[in-house]
Every structure is written in C-alpha cells, then in structure tokens.
Amino acid sequence: MDYREGMQVLRAARLHAPAIVQMNGQYFVFSRTKLISSGASVYDALDAGGFLVPQNAPTLIFTAYQHDVNLGQEKQAVAKSSKMAQRIANALNEYIPGIRKV
C-alpha cells in the first residue's frame, strides 16, 4: 500500500486532518498534531490504528492531470492552470457530503 492509498483509507475513516509521515524508517499516522499509530510501512501503521476495515477501503479519487480534474478515467472539470486543477482535486477529495450547519 502506498501513501496515496493510505490517505484514501484515512479520509474514508473520517479522520480529521489526516497525515502520514515517514521519519527514521517508520511511518506515523497523525490527526492534526496527535499521533494515532505507527509502523514499519504505511500498511502496518494503518493496521496498528485499526483503519484497515472494509468500510474504509480505497475508492476512486479525484486526480489532476495538466489542466484537467479527473475521477477515475473520466474528466470532471477543466481548470485555468495545472496548480488550480491540483487544488480542486485536493478539495474534492477532502469534501464530505452532509448537512450544512449555519
């Protein structure tokens, strides 16, 4: 399992501000600044934190390629720049549908 798949698992688990950090040959899973788990690989770190359950399995994510924002193989949007396409893809991957609270 690589970093991208690990982040998908953490997003599916609804971990607040997730991060996977590699340091000194270990991988650490954080929620904001709180250490959640660690392991020798991304897989081990997620397993130690209890994130590897079927409901957290990786799904399709939004990606950016040049000016395009894609979901899987399908183009979803075209941005003015590649940097904006990357920002849009990142925002869409972080978005969790739900009721807005005002």
PDB file of N, CA and C in Angstrom:
ATOM      1  N   MET A   1       0.864  -1.176   0.000  1.00  0.00           N
ATOM      2  CA  MET A   1       0.000   0.000   0.000  1.00  0.00           C
ATOM      3  C   MET A   1       0.906   1.233   0.000  1.00  0.00           C
ATOM      4  N   ASP A   2       0.596   2.192  -0.863  1.00  0.00           N
ATOM      5  CA  ASP A   2       1.406   3.400  -0.934  1.00  0.00           C
ATOM      6  C   ASP A   2       0.728   4.558  -0.182  1.00  0.00           C
ATOM      7  N   TYR A   3       1.409   5.700  -0.188  1.00  0.00           N
ATOM      8  CA  TYR A   3       0.925   6.881   0.534  1.00  0.00           C
ATOM      9  C   TYR A   3      -0.469   7.308   0.078  1.00  0.00           C
ATOM     10  N   ARG A   4      -0.691   7.342  -1.247  1.00  0.00           N
ATOM     11  CA  ARG A   4      -1.975   7.794  -1.794  1.00  0.00           C
ATOM     12  C   ARG A   4      -3.112   6.899  -1.312  1.00  0.00           C
ATOM     13  N   GLU A   5      -2.922   5.589  -1.367  1.00  0.00           N
ATOM     14  CA  GLU A   5      -3.957   4.667  -0.899  1.00  0.00           C
ATOM     15  C   GLU A   5      -4.175   4.804   0.605  1.00  0.00           C
ATOM     16  N   GLY A   6      -3.093   5.014   1.341  1.00  0.00           N
ATOM     17  CA  GLY A   6      -3.208   5.211   2.783  1.00  0.00           C
ATOM     18  C   GLY A   6      -4.031   6.437   3.126  1.00  0.00           C
ATOM     19  N   MET A   7      -3.812   7.529   2.387  1.00  0.00           N
ATOM     20  CA  MET A   7      -4.588   8.746   2.629  1.00  0.00           C
ATOM     21  C   MET A   7      -6.064   8.524   2.291  1.00  0.00           C
ATOM     22  N   GLN A   8      -6.345   7.738   1.249  1.00  0.00           N
ATOM     23  CA  GLN A   8      -7.737   7.419   0.920  1.00  0.00           C
ATOM     24  C   GLN A   8      -8.394   6.685   2.083  1.00  0.00           C
ATOM     25  N   VAL A   9      -7.694   5.749   2.677  1.00  0.00           N
ATOM     26  CA  VAL A   9      -8.230   4.986   3.808  1.00  0.00           C
ATOM     27  C   VAL A   9      -8.524   5.926   4.974  1.00  0.00           C
ATOM     28  N   LEU A  10      -7.601   6.834   5.263  1.00  0.00           N
ATOM     29  CA  LEU A  10      -7.800   7.761   6.381  1.00  0.00           C
ATOM     30  C   LEU A  10      -8.958   8.716   6.119  1.00  0.00           C
ATOM     31  N   ARG A  11      -9.121   9.163   4.874  1.00  0.00           N
ATOM     32  CA  ARG A  11     -10.255  10.031   4.544  1.00  0.00           C
ATOM     33  C   ARG A  11     -11.570   9.279   4.681  1.00  0.00           C
ATOM     34  N   ALA A  12     -11.590   8.024   4.224  1.00  0.00           N
ATOM     35  CA  ALA A  12     -12.804   7.212   4.332  1.00  0.00           C
ATOM     36  C   ALA A  12     -13.159   6.950   5.794  1.00  0.00           C
ATOM     37  N   ALA A  13     -12.142   6.898   6.652  1.00  0.00           N
ATOM     38  CA  ALA A  13     -12.369   6.704   8.090  1.00  0.00           C
ATOM     39  C   ALA A  13     -12.783   7.999   8.773  1.00  0.00           C
ATOM     40  N   ARG A  14     -12.835   9.088   8.001  1.00  0.00           N
ATOM     41  CA  ARG A  14     -13.240  10.406   8.504  1.00  0.00           C
ATOM     42  C   ARG A  14     -12.297  10.930   9.588  1.00  0.00           C
ATOM     43  N   LEU A  15     -11.007  10.598   9.457  1.00  0.00           N
ATOM     44  CA  LEU A  15     -10.014  11.127  10.378  1.00  0.00           C
ATOM     45  C   LEU A  15      -9.822  12.612  10.090  1.00  0.00           C
ATOM     46  N   HIS A  16      -9.856  13.427  11.122  1.00  0.00           N
ATOM     47  CA  HIS A  16      -9.759  14.876  10.955  1.00  0.00           C
ATOM     48  C   HIS A  16      -8.333  15.267  10.601  1.00  0.00           C
ATOM     49  N   ALA A  17      -8.154  15.977   9.495  1.00  0.00           N
ATOM     50  CA  ALA A  17      -6.850  16.458   9.016  1.00  0.00           C
ATOM     51  C   ALA A  17      -5.800  15.353   9.060  1.00  0.00           C
ATOM     52  N   PRO A  18      -5.996  14.267   8.297  1.00  0.00           N
ATOM     53  CA  PRO A  18      -5.070  13.150   8.359  1.00  0.00           C
ATOM     54  C   PRO A  18      -3.715  13.453   7.732  1.00  0.00           C
ATOM     55  N   ALA A  19      -2.693  12.752   8.220  1.00  0.00           N
ATOM     56  CA  ALA A  19      -1.350  12.857   7.648  1.00  0.00           C
ATOM     57  C   ALA A  19      -0.619  11.554   7.896  1.00  0.00           C
ATOM     58  N   ILE A  20       0.180  11.158   6.903  1.00  0.00           N
ATOM     59  CA  ILE A  20       1.082  10.019   7.055  1.00  0.00           C
ATOM     60  C   ILE A  20       2.492  10.584   6.891  1.00  0.00           C
ATOM     61  N   VAL A  21       3.310  10.404   7.909  1.00  0.00           N
ATOM     62  CA  VAL A  21       4.650  10.986   7.925  1.00  0.00           C
ATOM     63  C   VAL A  21       5.676   9.866   8.028  1.00  0.00           C
ATOM     64  N   GLN A  22       6.700   9.924   7.158  1.00  0.00           N
ATOM     65  CA  GLN A  22       7.810   8.971   7.240  1.00  0.00           C
ATOM     66  C   GLN A  22       8.970   9.653   7.939  1.00  0.00           C
ATOM     67  N   MET A  23       9.494   8.985   8.986  1.00  0.00           N
ATOM     68  CA  MET A  23      10.611   9.548   9.720  1.00  0.00           C
ATOM     69  C   MET A  23      11.409   8.407  10.343  1.00  0.00           C
ATOM     70  N   ASN A  24      12.709   8.423  10.139  1.00  0.00           N
ATOM     71  CA  ASN A  24      13.607   7.415  10.712  1.00  0.00           C
ATOM     72  C   ASN A  24      13.180   5.990  10.382  1.00  0.00           C
ATOM     73  N   GLY A  25      12.738   5.754   9.152  1.00  0.00           N
ATOM     74  CA  GLY A  25      12.369   4.411   8.722  1.00  0.00           C
ATOM     75  C   GLY A  25      11.026   3.922   9.213  1.00  0.00           C
ATOM     76  N   GLN A  26      10.273   4.742   9.894  1.00  0.00           N
ATOM     77  CA  GLN A  26       8.946   4.399  10.395  1.00  0.00           C
ATOM     78  C   GLN A  26       7.910   5.287   9.719  1.00  0.00           C
ATOM     79  N   TYR A  27       6.657   4.852   9.702  1.00  0.00           N
ATOM     80  CA  TYR A  27       5.545   5.651   9.206  1.00  0.00           C
ATOM     81  C   TYR A  27       4.621   5.957  10.377  1.00  0.00           C
ATOM     82  N   PHE A  28       4.189   7.208  10.456  1.00  0.00           N
ATOM     83  CA  PHE A  28       3.344   7.662  11.548  1.00  0.00           C
ATOM     84  C   PHE A  28       2.049   8.222  10.982  1.00  0.00           C
ATOM     85  N   VAL A  29       0.925   7.887  11.630  1.00  0.00           N
ATOM     86  CA  VAL A  29      -0.386   8.410  11.237  1.00  0.00           C
ATOM     87  C   VAL A  29      -0.775   9.465  12.265  1.00  0.00           C
ATOM     88  N   PHE A  30      -1.090  10.656  11.764  1.00  0.00           N
ATOM     89  CA  PHE A  30      -1.482  11.768  12.619  1.00  0.00           C
ATOM     90  C   PHE A  30      -2.880  12.249  12.280  1.00  0.00           C
ATOM     91  N   SER A  31      -3.565  12.765  13.277  1.00  0.00           N
ATOM     92  CA  SER A  31      -4.784  13.536  13.116  1.00  0.00           C
ATOM     93  C   SER A  31      -4.444  14.905  13.680  1.00  0.00           C
ATOM     94  N   ARG A  32      -4.325  15.870  12.768  1.00  0.00           N
ATOM     95  CA  ARG A  32      -3.772  17.184  13.115  1.00  0.00           C
ATOM     96  C   ARG A  32      -2.393  16.990  13.711  1.00  0.00           C
ATOM     97  N   THR A  33      -2.197  17.273  15.001  1.00  0.00           N
ATOM     98  CA  THR A  33      -0.876  17.095  15.613  1.00  0.00           C
ATOM     99  C   THR A  33      -0.849  15.910  16.578  1.00  0.00           C
ATOM    100  N   LYS A  34      -1.909  15.135  16.625  1.00  0.00           N
ATOM    101  CA  LYS A  34      -1.991  13.997  17.545  1.00  0.00           C
ATOM    102  C   LYS A  34      -1.539  12.720  16.841  1.00  0.00           C
ATOM    103  N   LEU A  35      -0.569  12.025  17.431  1.00  0.00           N
ATOM    104  CA  LEU A  35      -0.087  10.758  16.896  1.00  0.00           C
ATOM    105  C   LEU A  35      -1.141   9.684  17.154  1.00  0.00           C
ATOM    106  N   ILE A  36      -1.556   8.994  16.096  1.00  0.00           N
ATOM    107  CA  ILE A  36      -2.574   7.946  16.214  1.00  0.00           C
ATOM    108  C   ILE A  36      -1.930   6.568  16.245  1.00  0.00           C
ATOM    109  N   SER A  37      -1.025   6.287  15.302  1.00  0.00           N
ATOM    110  CA  SER A  37      -0.383   4.975  15.238  1.00  0.00           C
ATOM    111  C   SER A  37       0.909   5.073  14.434  1.00  0.00           C
ATOM    112  N   SER A  38       1.680   3.985  14.454  1.00  0.00           N
ATOM    113  CA  SER A  38       2.920   3.944  13.675  1.00  0.00           C
ATOM    114  C   SER A  38       3.216   2.513  13.282  1.00  0.00           C
ATOM    115  N   GLY A  39       4.115   2.359  12.304  1.00  0.00           N
ATOM    116  CA  GLY A  39       4.507   1.036  11.849  1.00  0.00           C
ATOM    117  C   GLY A  39       5.672   1.119  10.885  1.00  0.00           C
ATOM    118  N   ALA A  40       6.186  -0.047  10.496  1.00  0.00           N
ATOM    119  CA  ALA A  40       7.334  -0.114   9.604  1.00  0.00           C
ATOM    120  C   ALA A  40       6.979   0.235   8.168  1.00  0.00           C
ATOM    121  N   SER A  41       5.695   0.177   7.817  1.00  0.00           N
ATOM    122  CA  SER A  41       5.219   0.542   6.477  1.00  0.00           C
ATOM    123  C   SER A  41       3.905   1.296   6.628  1.00  0.00           C
ATOM    124  N   VAL A  42       3.420   1.855   5.529  1.00  0.00           N
ATOM    125  CA  VAL A  42       2.119   2.544   5.562  1.00  0.00           C
ATOM    126  C   VAL A  42       1.042   1.548   5.985  1.00  0.00           C
ATOM    127  N   TYR A  43       1.104   0.348   5.425  1.00  0.00           N
ATOM    128  CA  TYR A  43       0.124  -0.692   5.758  1.00  0.00           C
ATOM    129  C   TYR A  43       0.151  -1.008   7.251  1.00  0.00           C
ATOM    130  N   ASP A  44       1.349  -1.207   7.812  1.00  0.00           N
ATOM    131  CA  ASP A  44       1.484  -1.527   9.240  1.00  0.00           C
ATOM    132  C   ASP A  44       0.961  -0.400  10.126  1.00  0.00           C
ATOM    133  N   ALA A  45       1.233   0.840   9.742  1.00  0.00           N
ATOM    134  CA  ALA A  45       0.765   1.985  10.530  1.00  0.00           C
ATOM    135  C   ALA A  45      -0.758   2.069  10.517  1.00  0.00           C
ATOM    136  N   LEU A  46      -1.370   1.835   9.356  1.00  0.00           N
ATOM    137  CA  LEU A  46      -2.834   1.862   9.271  1.00  0.00           C
ATOM    138  C   LEU A  46      -3.441   0.685  10.023  1.00  0.00           C
ATOM    139  N   ASP A  47      -2.809  -0.476   9.940  1.00  0.00           N
ATOM    140  CA  ASP A  47      -3.290  -1.654  10.649  1.00  0.00           C
ATOM    141  C   ASP A  47      -3.224  -1.440  12.158  1.00  0.00           C
ATOM    142  N   ALA A  48      -2.135  -0.840  12.647  1.00  0.00           N
ATOM    143  CA  ALA A  48      -1.983  -0.576  14.073  1.00  0.00           C
ATOM    144  C   ALA A  48      -3.041   0.395  14.587  1.00  0.00           C
ATOM    145  N   GLY A  49      -3.491   1.302  13.730  1.00  0.00           N
ATOM    146  CA  GLY A  49      -4.518   2.265  14.123  1.00  0.00           C
ATOM    147  C   GLY A  49      -5.938   1.745  13.955  1.00  0.00           C
ATOM    148  N   GLY A  50      -6.095   0.545  13.396  1.00  0.00           N
ATOM    149  CA  GLY A  50      -7.424  -0.034  13.215  1.00  0.00           C
ATOM    150  C   GLY A  50      -8.181   0.537  12.026  1.00  0.00           C
ATOM    151  N   PHE A  51      -7.465   1.089  11.051  1.00  0.00           N
ATOM    152  CA  PHE A  51      -8.120   1.716   9.903  1.00  0.00           C
ATOM    153  C   PHE A  51      -8.397   0.751   8.753  1.00  0.00           C
ATOM    154  N   LEU A  52      -7.800  -0.441   8.775  1.00  0.00           N
ATOM    155  CA  LEU A  52      -7.951  -1.374   7.658  1.00  0.00           C
ATOM    156  C   LEU A  52      -9.172  -2.268   7.848  1.00  0.00           C
ATOM    157  N   VAL A  53     -10.320  -1.664   7.692  1.00  0.00           N
ATOM    158  CA  VAL A  53     -11.599  -2.381   7.747  1.00  0.00           C
ATOM    159  C   VAL A  53     -12.309  -2.163   6.414  1.00  0.00           C
ATOM    160  N   PRO A  54     -13.225  -3.062   6.022  1.00  0.00           N
ATOM    161  CA  PRO A  54     -13.845  -2.963   4.697  1.00  0.00           C
ATOM    162  C   PRO A  54     -14.488  -1.615   4.376  1.00  0.00           C
ATOM    163  N   GLN A  55     -15.121  -0.972   5.329  1.00  0.00           N
ATOM    164  CA  GLN A  55     -15.791   0.301   5.037  1.00  0.00           C
ATOM    165  C   GLN A  55     -14.809   1.434   4.746  1.00  0.00           C
ATOM    166  N   ASN A  56     -13.523   1.244   5.037  1.00  0.00           N
ATOM    167  CA  ASN A  56     -12.514   2.256   4.739  1.00  0.00           C
ATOM    168  C   ASN A  56     -11.689   1.918   3.501  1.00  0.00           C
ATOM    169  N   ALA A  57     -12.124   0.955   2.709  1.00  0.00           N
ATOM    170  CA  ALA A  57     -11.371   0.546   1.517  1.00  0.00           C
ATOM    171  C   ALA A  57     -11.240   1.724   0.549  1.00  0.00           C
ATOM    172  N   PRO A  58     -10.100   1.824  -0.135  1.00  0.00           N
ATOM    173  CA  PRO A  58      -9.905   2.912  -1.097  1.00  0.00           C
ATOM    174  C   PRO A  58     -10.970   2.912  -2.189  1.00  0.00           C
ATOM    175  N   THR A  59     -11.386   4.088  -2.572  1.00  0.00           N
ATOM    176  CA  THR A  59     -12.357   4.254  -3.650  1.00  0.00           C
ATOM    177  C   THR A  59     -11.721   5.149  -4.706  1.00  0.00           C
ATOM    178  N   LEU A  60     -12.481   5.475  -5.737  1.00  0.00           N
ATOM    179  CA  LEU A  60     -11.961   6.386  -6.750  1.00  0.00           C
ATOM    180  C   LEU A  60     -11.694   7.746  -6.130  1.00  0.00           C
ATOM    181  N   ILE A  61     -10.609   8.359  -6.526  1.00  0.00           N
ATOM    182  CA  ILE A  61     -10.299   9.694  -6.040  1.00  0.00           C
ATOM    183  C   ILE A  61     -10.151  10.637  -7.222  1.00  0.00           C
ATOM    184  N   PHE A  62     -10.285  11.906  -6.937  1.00  0.00           N
ATOM    185  CA  PHE A  62     -10.078  12.940  -7.951  1.00  0.00           C
ATOM    186  C   PHE A  62      -8.580  13.141  -8.130  1.00  0.00           C
ATOM    187  N   THR A  63      -8.152  13.243  -9.373  1.00  0.00           N
ATOM    188  CA  THR A  63      -6.753  13.490  -9.686  1.00  0.00           C
ATOM    189  C   THR A  63      -6.670  14.661 -10.652  1.00  0.00           C
ATOM    190  N   ALA A  64      -5.496  15.256 -10.714  1.00  0.00           N
ATOM    191  CA  ALA A  64      -5.264  16.361 -11.647  1.00  0.00           C
ATOM    192  C   ALA A  64      -4.205  15.938 -12.645  1.00  0.00           C
ATOM    193  N   TYR A  65      -4.478  16.193 -13.912  1.00  0.00           N
ATOM    194  CA  TYR A  65      -3.509  15.957 -14.966  1.00  0.00           C
ATOM    195  C   TYR A  65      -3.513  17.178 -15.861  1.00  0.00           C
ATOM    196  N   GLN A  66      -2.421  17.932 -15.829  1.00  0.00           N
ATOM    197  CA  GLN A  66      -2.317  19.210 -16.512  1.00  0.00           C
ATOM    198  C   GLN A  66      -3.474  20.101 -16.048  1.00  0.00           C
ATOM    199  N   HIS A  67      -4.381  20.504 -16.927  1.00  0.00           N
ATOM    200  CA  HIS A  67      -5.476  21.395 -16.538  1.00  0.00           C
ATOM    201  C   HIS A  67      -6.755  20.634 -16.207  1.00  0.00           C
ATOM    202  N   ASP A  68      -6.740  19.305 -16.338  1.00  0.00           N
ATOM    203  CA  ASP A  68      -7.948  18.500 -16.151  1.00  0.00           C
ATOM    204  C   ASP A  68      -8.058  17.975 -14.730  1.00  0.00           C
ATOM    205  N   VAL A  69      -9.303  17.888 -14.232  1.00  0.00           N
ATOM    206  CA  VAL A  69      -9.615  17.236 -12.972  1.00  0.00           C
ATOM    207  C   VAL A  69     -10.400  15.986 -13.340  1.00  0.00           C
ATOM    208  N   ASN A  70      -9.877  14.816 -12.948  1.00  0.00           N
ATOM    209  CA  ASN A  70     -10.477  13.540 -13.338  1.00  0.00           C
ATOM    210  C   ASN A  70     -10.959  12.768 -12.128  1.00  0.00           C
ATOM    211  N   LEU A  71     -12.007  11.970 -12.355  1.00  0.00           N
ATOM    212  CA  LEU A  71     -12.482  10.994 -11.379  1.00  0.00           C
ATOM    213  C   LEU A  71     -12.347   9.649 -12.065  1.00  0.00           C
ATOM    214  N   GLY A  72     -11.342   8.874 -11.645  1.00  0.00           N
ATOM    215  CA  GLY A  72     -11.022   7.657 -12.387  1.00  0.00           C
ATOM    216  C   GLY A  72     -10.489   8.062 -13.758  1.00  0.00           C
ATOM    217  N   GLN A  73     -11.113   7.572 -14.831  1.00  0.00           N
ATOM    218  CA  GLN A  73     -10.692   7.904 -16.193  1.00  0.00           C
ATOM    219  C   GLN A  73     -11.531   9.025 -16.809  1.00  0.00           C
ATOM    220  N   GLU A  74     -12.565   9.483 -16.104  1.00  0.00           N
ATOM    221  CA  GLU A  74     -13.472  10.483 -16.665  1.00  0.00           C
ATOM    222  C   GLU A  74     -13.100  11.902 -16.261  1.00  0.00           C
ATOM    223  N   LYS A  75     -13.049  12.791 -17.251  1.00  0.00           N
ATOM    224  CA  LYS A  75     -12.768  14.200 -16.990  1.00  0.00           C
ATOM    225  C   LYS A  75     -13.992  14.840 -16.333  1.00  0.00           C
ATOM    226  N   GLN A  76     -13.778  15.531 -15.212  1.00  0.00           N
ATOM    227  CA  GLN A  76     -14.853  16.172 -14.476  1.00  0.00           C
ATOM    228  C   GLN A  76     -14.850  17.687 -14.639  1.00  0.00           C
ATOM    229  N   ALA A  77     -13.663  18.267 -14.834  1.00  0.00           N
ATOM    230  CA  ALA A  77     -13.560  19.726 -14.941  1.00  0.00           C
ATOM    231  C   ALA A  77     -12.255  20.095 -15.629  1.00  0.00           C
ATOM    232  N   VAL A  78     -12.216  21.326 -16.118  1.00  0.00           N
ATOM    233  CA  VAL A  78     -11.002  21.883 -16.704  1.00  0.00           C
ATOM    234  C   VAL A  78     -10.713  23.189 -15.974  1.00  0.00           C
ATOM    235  N   ALA A  79      -9.513  23.300 -15.437  1.00  0.00           N
ATOM    236  CA  ALA A  79      -9.120  24.491 -14.687  1.00  0.00           C
ATOM    237  C   ALA A  79      -8.259  25.396 -15.561  1.00  0.00           C
ATOM    238  N   LYS A  80      -8.049  26.626 -15.091  1.00  0.00           N
ATOM    239  CA  LYS A  80      -7.230  27.589 -15.841  1.00  0.00           C
ATOM    240  C   LYS A  80      -5.752  27.260 -15.784  1.00  0.00           C
ATOM    241  N   SER A  81      -5.321  26.543 -14.746  1.00  0.00           N
ATOM    242  CA  SER A  81      -3.906  26.199 -14.617  1.00  0.00           C
ATOM    243  C   SER A  81      -3.779  24.814 -13.990  1.00  0.00           C
ATOM    244  N   SER A  82      -2.610  24.236 -14.110  1.00  0.00           N
ATOM    245  CA  SER A  82      -2.387  22.916 -13.516  1.00  0.00           C
ATOM    246  C   SER A  82      -2.396  22.997 -11.991  1.00  0.00           C
ATOM    247  N   LYS A  83      -1.901  24.095 -11.441  1.00  0.00           N
ATOM    248  CA  LYS A  83      -1.918  24.290  -9.987  1.00  0.00           C
ATOM    249  C   LYS A  83      -3.357  24.367  -9.469  1.00  0.00           C
ATOM    250  N   MET A  84      -4.228  25.073 -10.205  1.00  0.00           N
ATOM    251  CA  MET A  84      -5.630  25.170  -9.800  1.00  0.00           C
ATOM    252  C   MET A  84      -6.316  23.809  -9.925  1.00  0.00           C
ATOM    253  N   ALA A  85      -5.979  23.036 -10.954  1.00  0.00           N
ATOM    254  CA  ALA A  85      -6.547  21.692 -11.105  1.00  0.00           C
ATOM    255  C   ALA A  85      -6.170  20.824  -9.907  1.00  0.00           C
ATOM    256  N   GLN A  86      -4.918  20.918  -9.467  1.00  0.00           N
ATOM    257  CA  GLN A  86      -4.480  20.151  -8.299  1.00  0.00           C
ATOM    258  C   GLN A  86      -5.218  20.594  -7.043  1.00  0.00           C
ATOM    259  N   ARG A  87      -5.418  21.883  -6.875  1.00  0.00           N
ATOM    260  CA  ARG A  87      -6.151  22.389  -5.701  1.00  0.00           C
ATOM    261  C   ARG A  87      -7.602  21.922  -5.708  1.00  0.00           C
ATOM    262  N   ILE A  88      -8.226  21.930  -6.876  1.00  0.00           N
ATOM    263  CA  ILE A  88      -9.614  21.466  -6.994  1.00  0.00           C
ATOM    264  C   ILE A  88      -9.702  19.986  -6.652  1.00  0.00           C
ATOM    265  N   ALA A  89      -8.791  19.180  -7.201  1.00  0.00           N
ATOM    266  CA  ALA A  89      -8.790  17.743  -6.922  1.00  0.00           C
ATOM    267  C   ALA A  89      -8.603  17.483  -5.425  1.00  0.00           C
ATOM    268  N   ASN A  90      -7.670  18.182  -4.799  1.00  0.00           N
ATOM    269  CA  ASN A  90      -7.446  18.015  -3.358  1.00  0.00           C
ATOM    270  C   ASN A  90      -8.678  18.387  -2.552  1.00  0.00           C
ATOM    271  N   ALA A  91      -9.327  19.489  -2.911  1.00  0.00           N
ATOM    272  CA  ALA A  91     -10.527  19.918  -2.189  1.00  0.00           C
ATOM    273  C   ALA A  91     -11.661  18.908  -2.353  1.00  0.00           C
ATOM    274  N   LEU A  92     -11.833  18.390  -3.554  1.00  0.00           N
ATOM    275  CA  LEU A  92     -12.886  17.401  -3.781  1.00  0.00           C
ATOM    276  C   LEU A  92     -12.617  16.104  -3.023  1.00  0.00           C
ATOM    277  N   ASN A  93     -11.366  15.721  -2.881  1.00  0.00           N
ATOM    278  CA  ASN A  93     -11.037  14.519  -2.121  1.00  0.00           C
ATOM    279  C   ASN A  93     -11.277  14.707  -0.629  1.00  0.00           C
ATOM    280  N   GLU A  94     -11.151  15.917  -0.135  1.00  0.00           N
ATOM    281  CA  GLU A  94     -11.375  16.201   1.285  1.00  0.00           C
ATOM    282  C   GLU A  94     -12.845  16.410   1.616  1.00  0.00           C
ATOM    283  N   TYR A  95     -13.659  16.724   0.609  1.00  0.00           N
ATOM    284  CA  TYR A  95     -15.072  17.064   0.816  1.00  0.00           C
ATOM    285  C   TYR A  95     -15.845  15.867   1.347  1.00  0.00           C
ATOM    286  N   ILE A  96     -16.653  16.091   2.369  1.00  0.00           N
ATOM    287  CA  ILE A  96     -17.535  15.069   2.917  1.00  0.00           C
ATOM    288  C   ILE A  96     -18.961  15.602   2.804  1.00  0.00           C
ATOM    289  N   PRO A  97     -19.805  14.966   1.965  1.00  0.00           N
ATOM    290  CA  PRO A  97     -21.174  15.461   1.807  1.00  0.00           C
ATOM    291  C   PRO A  97     -21.942  15.374   3.122  1.00  0.00           C
ATOM    292  N   GLY A  98     -22.809  16.308   3.321  1.00  0.00           N
ATOM    293  CA  GLY A  98     -23.621  16.291   4.533  1.00  0.00           C
ATOM    294  C   GLY A  98     -24.444  17.569   4.648  1.00  0.00           C
ATOM    295  N   ILE A  99     -25.115  17.678   5.756  1.00  0.00           N
ATOM    296  CA  ILE A  99     -25.959  18.835   6.023  1.00  0.00           C
ATOM    297  C   ILE A  99     -25.085  19.993   6.450  1.00  0.00           C
ATOM    298  N   ARG A 100     -25.329  21.144   5.832  1.00  0.00           N
ATOM    299  CA  ARG A 100     -24.575  22.338   6.219  1.00  0.00           C
ATOM    300  C   ARG A 100     -25.139  22.916   7.508  1.00  0.00           C
ATOM    301  N   LYS A 101     -24.244  23.295   8.385  1.00  0.00           N
ATOM    302  CA  LYS A 101     -24.656  23.910   9.656  1.00  0.00           C
ATOM    303  C   LYS A 101     -24.304  25.377   9.582  1.00  0.00           C
ATOM    304  N   VAL A 102     -25.267  26.211   9.828  1.00  0.00           N
ATOM    305  CA  VAL A 102     -25.046  27.652   9.754  1.00  0.00           C
ATOM    306  C   VAL A 102     -25.049  28.246  11.133  1.00  0.00           C
TER     307      VAL A 102
END
